[in-house]
């Protein structure tokens, strides 16, 4: 019998990324329930990103913190060294033609800062194409180390229009067995649609410590956290829990 046979597992990722998680769950016998509570939209003001691209050769480093940042920047001619947070972001960057110099497997800013520890960043110009709302840990620490950092809004995480109705349909008896979260934005968005008491009826799987922190901040329990902060790690964490 497949390891996740019969389990109803909610996937909260954006529609264009959901199958990356839903596929492996389905292969293991689970029934993925797609409830995309994140959509990706262009930046509210495209000018800063366009300006950064126009002077891309002035940067010493480009740091990608998500797959969406990679896609938003594209592949302009560039002499900069490239850093990527997490295996999926590295794969996306390399798939787009970038040569990635540094890529810690842990999908957290702190891991990247540790990987950059031996680099002389004083006076170095760094571009970070990022979401409209993001943690300041990476930027602040790079500036503390003497870098000149441009944190540019490359995309926005928005709530899909159909999310509210879909969530109401899914989160009623019999409740899903699991809810998966691959980002803090997904946690916040789903909690804006579904009362915390309802979400407590399901077990929760988190992709990593930052997402787990957000989950706990909403007074929810993290049943499992992926040891490897990736979609594959998220699936493995559920599989190990139910084994």
Protein backbone atom coordinates (compact mmCIF):
# COMPACT_ATOMS: atom_id res chain seq x y z
CA UNK A 1 0.00 0.00 0.00
CA UNK A 2 1.37 3.49 -0.85
CA UNK A 3 2.72 5.28 2.26
CA UNK A 4 0.21 8.14 2.17
CA UNK A 5 -2.72 6.08 0.93
CA UNK A 6 -6.09 7.77 1.45
CA UNK A 7 -4.78 10.91 3.14
CA UNK A 8 -6.43 14.17 2.10
CA UNK A 9 -3.66 16.78 2.01
CA UNK A 10 -4.20 20.48 1.33
CA UNK A 11 -1.66 22.19 -0.94
CA UNK A 12 -1.63 25.96 -0.41
CA UNK A 13 1.02 26.88 -2.99
CA UNK A 14 0.32 29.15 -5.97
CA UNK A 15 -1.48 27.42 -8.85
CA UNK A 16 1.55 27.44 -11.15
CA UNK A 17 3.69 25.78 -8.46
CA UNK A 18 1.15 23.45 -6.84
CA UNK A 19 1.80 20.39 -8.98
CA UNK A 20 5.43 20.25 -7.83
CA UNK A 21 4.03 19.23 -4.43
CA UNK A 22 0.73 17.63 -5.47
CA UNK A 23 2.43 15.22 -7.90
CA UNK A 24 4.68 13.47 -5.35
CA UNK A 25 1.81 13.34 -2.85
CA UNK A 26 -0.40 11.69 -5.46
CA UNK A 27 2.33 9.19 -6.33
CA UNK A 28 2.40 8.14 -2.67
CA UNK A 29 -1.33 7.50 -2.59
CA UNK A 30 -2.53 10.78 -1.09
CA UNK A 31 -5.39 12.90 -2.38
CA UNK A 32 -3.99 16.41 -2.88
CA UNK A 33 -6.55 19.18 -2.40
CA UNK A 34 -5.44 22.36 -4.15
CA UNK A 35 -6.28 25.51 -2.21
CA UNK A 36 -3.94 28.13 -3.72
CA UNK A 37 -3.92 31.08 -1.34
CA UNK A 38 -1.04 32.81 -3.11
CA UNK A 39 -0.91 34.32 -6.56
CA UNK A 40 2.10 36.03 -8.11
CA UNK A 41 1.59 39.54 -9.51
CA UNK A 42 3.99 42.06 -11.08
CA UNK A 43 5.54 44.68 -8.81
CA UNK A 44 3.30 47.57 -7.88
CA UNK A 45 5.83 49.88 -9.54
CA UNK A 46 7.91 48.21 -12.28
CA UNK A 47 10.36 51.12 -12.57
CA UNK A 48 12.84 50.11 -9.81
CA UNK A 49 13.24 46.60 -11.22
CA UNK A 50 13.64 47.94 -14.76
CA UNK A 51 16.26 50.40 -13.54
CA UNK A 52 18.17 47.65 -11.75
CA UNK A 53 18.15 45.51 -14.90
CA UNK A 54 19.38 48.45 -16.99
CA UNK A 55 22.50 48.70 -14.83
CA UNK A 56 22.86 45.01 -14.09
CA UNK A 57 26.58 45.05 -14.86
CA UNK A 58 27.20 47.43 -11.98
CA UNK A 59 26.41 44.69 -9.43
CA UNK A 60 29.02 42.41 -7.90
CA UNK A 61 26.45 39.97 -6.60
CA UNK A 62 22.84 39.04 -7.33
CA UNK A 63 21.06 37.12 -4.58
CA UNK A 64 17.96 35.14 -5.45
CA UNK A 65 15.76 34.33 -2.46
CA UNK A 66 12.98 32.56 -4.38
CA UNK A 67 12.08 30.95 -7.68
CA UNK A 68 9.72 33.87 -8.35
CA UNK A 69 12.62 36.32 -8.03
CA UNK A 70 14.56 34.35 -10.63
CA UNK A 71 11.66 34.42 -13.07
CA UNK A 72 11.01 38.12 -12.50
CA UNK A 73 14.58 39.16 -13.23
CA UNK A 74 14.97 37.04 -16.35
CA UNK A 75 18.46 36.54 -17.76
CA UNK A 76 20.04 39.86 -18.72
CA UNK A 77 23.78 39.86 -19.63
CA UNK A 78 25.60 40.06 -16.35
CA UNK A 79 29.06 39.77 -14.82
CA UNK A 80 27.82 39.43 -11.24
CA UNK A 81 28.36 36.41 -9.05
CA UNK A 82 25.15 34.61 -8.13
CA UNK A 83 23.87 33.31 -4.81
CA UNK A 84 20.61 31.41 -4.38
CA UNK A 85 18.72 30.43 -1.24
CA UNK A 86 17.62 26.79 -1.32
CA UNK A 87 17.84 23.95 -3.81
CA UNK A 88 14.72 24.90 -5.77
CA UNK A 89 15.89 28.48 -6.27
CA UNK A 90 19.29 27.27 -7.44
CA UNK A 91 17.65 24.87 -9.89
CA UNK A 92 15.45 27.65 -11.28
CA UNK A 93 18.42 30.00 -11.66
CA UNK A 94 20.54 27.41 -13.43
CA UNK A 95 17.60 26.47 -15.63
CA UNK A 96 17.43 30.09 -16.71
CA UNK A 97 21.12 30.15 -17.59
CA UNK A 98 22.67 31.67 -14.47
CA UNK A 99 25.88 30.21 -13.06
CA UNK A 100 25.27 29.87 -9.32
CA UNK A 101 28.34 30.38 -7.14
CA UNK A 102 26.79 29.87 -3.69
CA UNK A 103 23.63 27.97 -2.79
CA UNK A 104 23.06 26.62 0.72
CA UNK A 105 20.42 23.89 0.78
CA UNK A 106 18.59 25.39 3.75
CA UNK A 107 15.87 27.72 2.55
CA UNK A 108 16.61 30.49 5.05
CA UNK A 109 18.51 33.78 4.83
CA UNK A 110 20.70 32.85 7.77
CA UNK A 111 22.15 29.88 5.85
CA UNK A 112 23.09 32.14 2.95
CA UNK A 113 24.72 34.65 5.28
CA UNK A 114 26.78 31.84 6.74
CA UNK A 115 27.79 30.69 3.25
CA UNK A 116 28.90 34.25 2.42
CA UNK A 117 30.92 34.54 5.63
CA UNK A 118 34.28 34.20 3.88
CA UNK A 119 33.46 36.71 1.14
CA UNK A 120 34.75 40.28 1.36
CA UNK A 121 31.54 42.26 0.89
CA UNK A 122 32.80 45.70 1.88
CA UNK A 123 31.84 48.12 -0.86
CA UNK A 124 30.33 45.35 -3.00
CA UNK A 125 27.08 46.16 -4.78
CA UNK A 126 24.38 43.53 -4.29
CA UNK A 127 20.98 43.21 -5.97
CA UNK A 128 18.20 41.24 -4.28
CA UNK A 129 15.08 40.90 -6.48
CA UNK A 130 12.44 40.04 -3.92
CA UNK A 131 8.79 40.01 -2.95
CA UNK A 132 7.05 43.23 -1.98
CA UNK A 133 6.97 42.10 1.66
CA UNK A 134 10.06 40.29 2.84
CA UNK A 135 12.26 39.73 5.88
CA UNK A 136 14.97 42.36 6.40
CA UNK A 137 17.47 39.96 7.98
CA UNK A 138 19.47 39.39 4.80
CA UNK A 139 19.61 43.00 3.67
CA UNK A 140 20.41 44.36 7.12
CA UNK A 141 23.24 41.92 7.77
CA UNK A 142 24.79 42.49 4.33
CA UNK A 143 24.75 46.24 4.96
CA UNK A 144 26.32 45.65 8.37
CA UNK A 145 29.13 43.81 6.59
CA UNK A 146 29.74 46.83 4.39
CA UNK A 147 27.81 45.89 1.26
CA UNK A 148 25.72 48.31 -0.80
CA UNK A 149 22.37 46.58 -1.16
CA UNK A 150 19.49 47.21 -3.54
CA UNK A 151 16.44 45.26 -2.35
CA UNK A 152 14.09 45.64 -5.31
CA UNK A 153 10.44 44.62 -5.49
CA UNK A 154 10.34 42.09 -8.31
CA UNK A 155 6.88 40.62 -7.67
CA UNK A 156 3.99 40.64 -5.22
CA UNK A 157 2.27 37.79 -3.39
CA UNK A 158 -1.47 38.37 -3.78
CA UNK A 159 -4.60 36.48 -2.77
CA UNK A 160 -6.33 34.71 -5.69
CA UNK A 161 -9.91 35.84 -6.16
CA UNK A 162 -11.33 32.33 -5.85
CA UNK A 163 -9.43 31.46 -2.66
CA UNK A 164 -12.14 32.40 -0.16
CA UNK A 165 -14.87 30.27 -1.73
CA UNK A 166 -12.51 27.35 -2.25
CA UNK A 167 -11.35 27.48 1.37
CA UNK A 168 -14.94 27.51 2.64
CA UNK A 169 -15.68 24.41 0.57
CA UNK A 170 -12.62 22.46 1.70
CA UNK A 171 -12.47 23.30 5.40
CA UNK A 172 -15.62 21.66 6.65
CA UNK A 173 -16.32 18.14 7.95
CA UNK A 174 -14.77 15.79 7.13
CA UNK A 175 -11.72 18.01 7.56
CA UNK A 176 -8.53 17.39 5.58
CA UNK A 177 -5.94 15.15 7.24
CA UNK A 178 -3.05 17.54 6.56
CA UNK A 179 -2.34 21.11 5.52
CA UNK A 180 1.00 21.90 3.89
CA UNK A 181 2.65 25.31 4.02
CA UNK A 182 5.66 26.25 1.90
CA UNK A 183 5.82 29.92 2.90
CA UNK A 184 4.80 32.36 5.61
CA UNK A 185 2.63 34.23 3.12
CA UNK A 186 0.52 31.12 2.58
CA UNK A 187 0.03 30.78 6.33
CA UNK A 188 -1.07 34.39 6.76
CA UNK A 189 -3.37 34.28 3.75
CA UNK A 190 -5.13 31.05 4.75
CA UNK A 191 -5.60 32.34 8.31
CA UNK A 192 -7.31 35.41 6.87
CA UNK A 193 -9.89 33.07 5.30
CA UNK A 194 -10.31 30.23 7.78
CA UNK A 195 -10.64 30.49 11.60
CA UNK A 196 -7.75 29.02 13.55
CA UNK A 197 -10.14 26.65 15.34
CA UNK A 198 -11.00 25.04 12.02
CA UNK A 199 -7.37 24.65 10.95
CA UNK A 200 -6.62 22.90 14.24
CA UNK A 201 -8.69 19.96 12.98
CA UNK A 202 -5.89 19.04 10.58
CA UNK A 203 -2.23 18.21 11.08
CA UNK A 204 0.21 20.77 9.69
CA UNK A 205 3.43 20.27 7.73
CA UNK A 206 5.88 23.16 7.33
CA UNK A 207 8.70 23.54 4.82
CA UNK A 208 11.10 25.19 7.26
CA UNK A 209 11.76 27.19 10.43
CA UNK A 210 10.59 30.61 9.22
CA UNK A 211 7.28 29.19 8.02
CA UNK A 212 6.98 27.21 11.27
CA UNK A 213 7.52 30.39 13.27
CA UNK A 214 4.65 32.04 11.41
CA UNK A 215 2.40 29.02 11.98
CA UNK A 216 3.09 29.03 15.71
CA UNK A 217 2.54 32.79 15.78
CA UNK A 218 -1.07 32.05 14.83
CA UNK A 219 -1.36 29.64 17.80
CA UNK A 220 -1.24 26.57 15.60
CA UNK A 221 0.86 23.45 16.14
CA UNK A 222 3.47 22.35 13.61
CA UNK A 223 3.13 18.59 13.39
CA UNK A 224 6.20 18.15 11.20
CA UNK A 225 8.87 20.43 9.74
CA UNK A 226 10.87 19.39 6.70
CA UNK A 227 14.45 18.44 7.58
CA UNK A 228 15.46 19.52 4.07
CA UNK A 229 13.74 22.81 3.35
CA UNK A 230 12.30 21.86 -0.02
CA UNK A 231 9.14 20.41 -1.52
CA UNK A 232 10.74 16.96 -1.49
CA UNK A 233 11.63 17.43 2.17
CA UNK A 234 8.06 18.46 2.93
CA UNK A 235 6.70 15.25 1.39
CA UNK A 236 9.29 13.15 3.22
CA UNK A 237 8.40 14.73 6.56
CA UNK A 238 4.76 13.70 6.21
CA UNK A 239 5.73 10.24 5.03
CA UNK A 240 8.00 9.71 8.04
CA UNK A 241 5.33 10.96 10.43
CA UNK A 242 2.66 8.53 9.26
CA UNK A 243 4.99 5.55 8.79
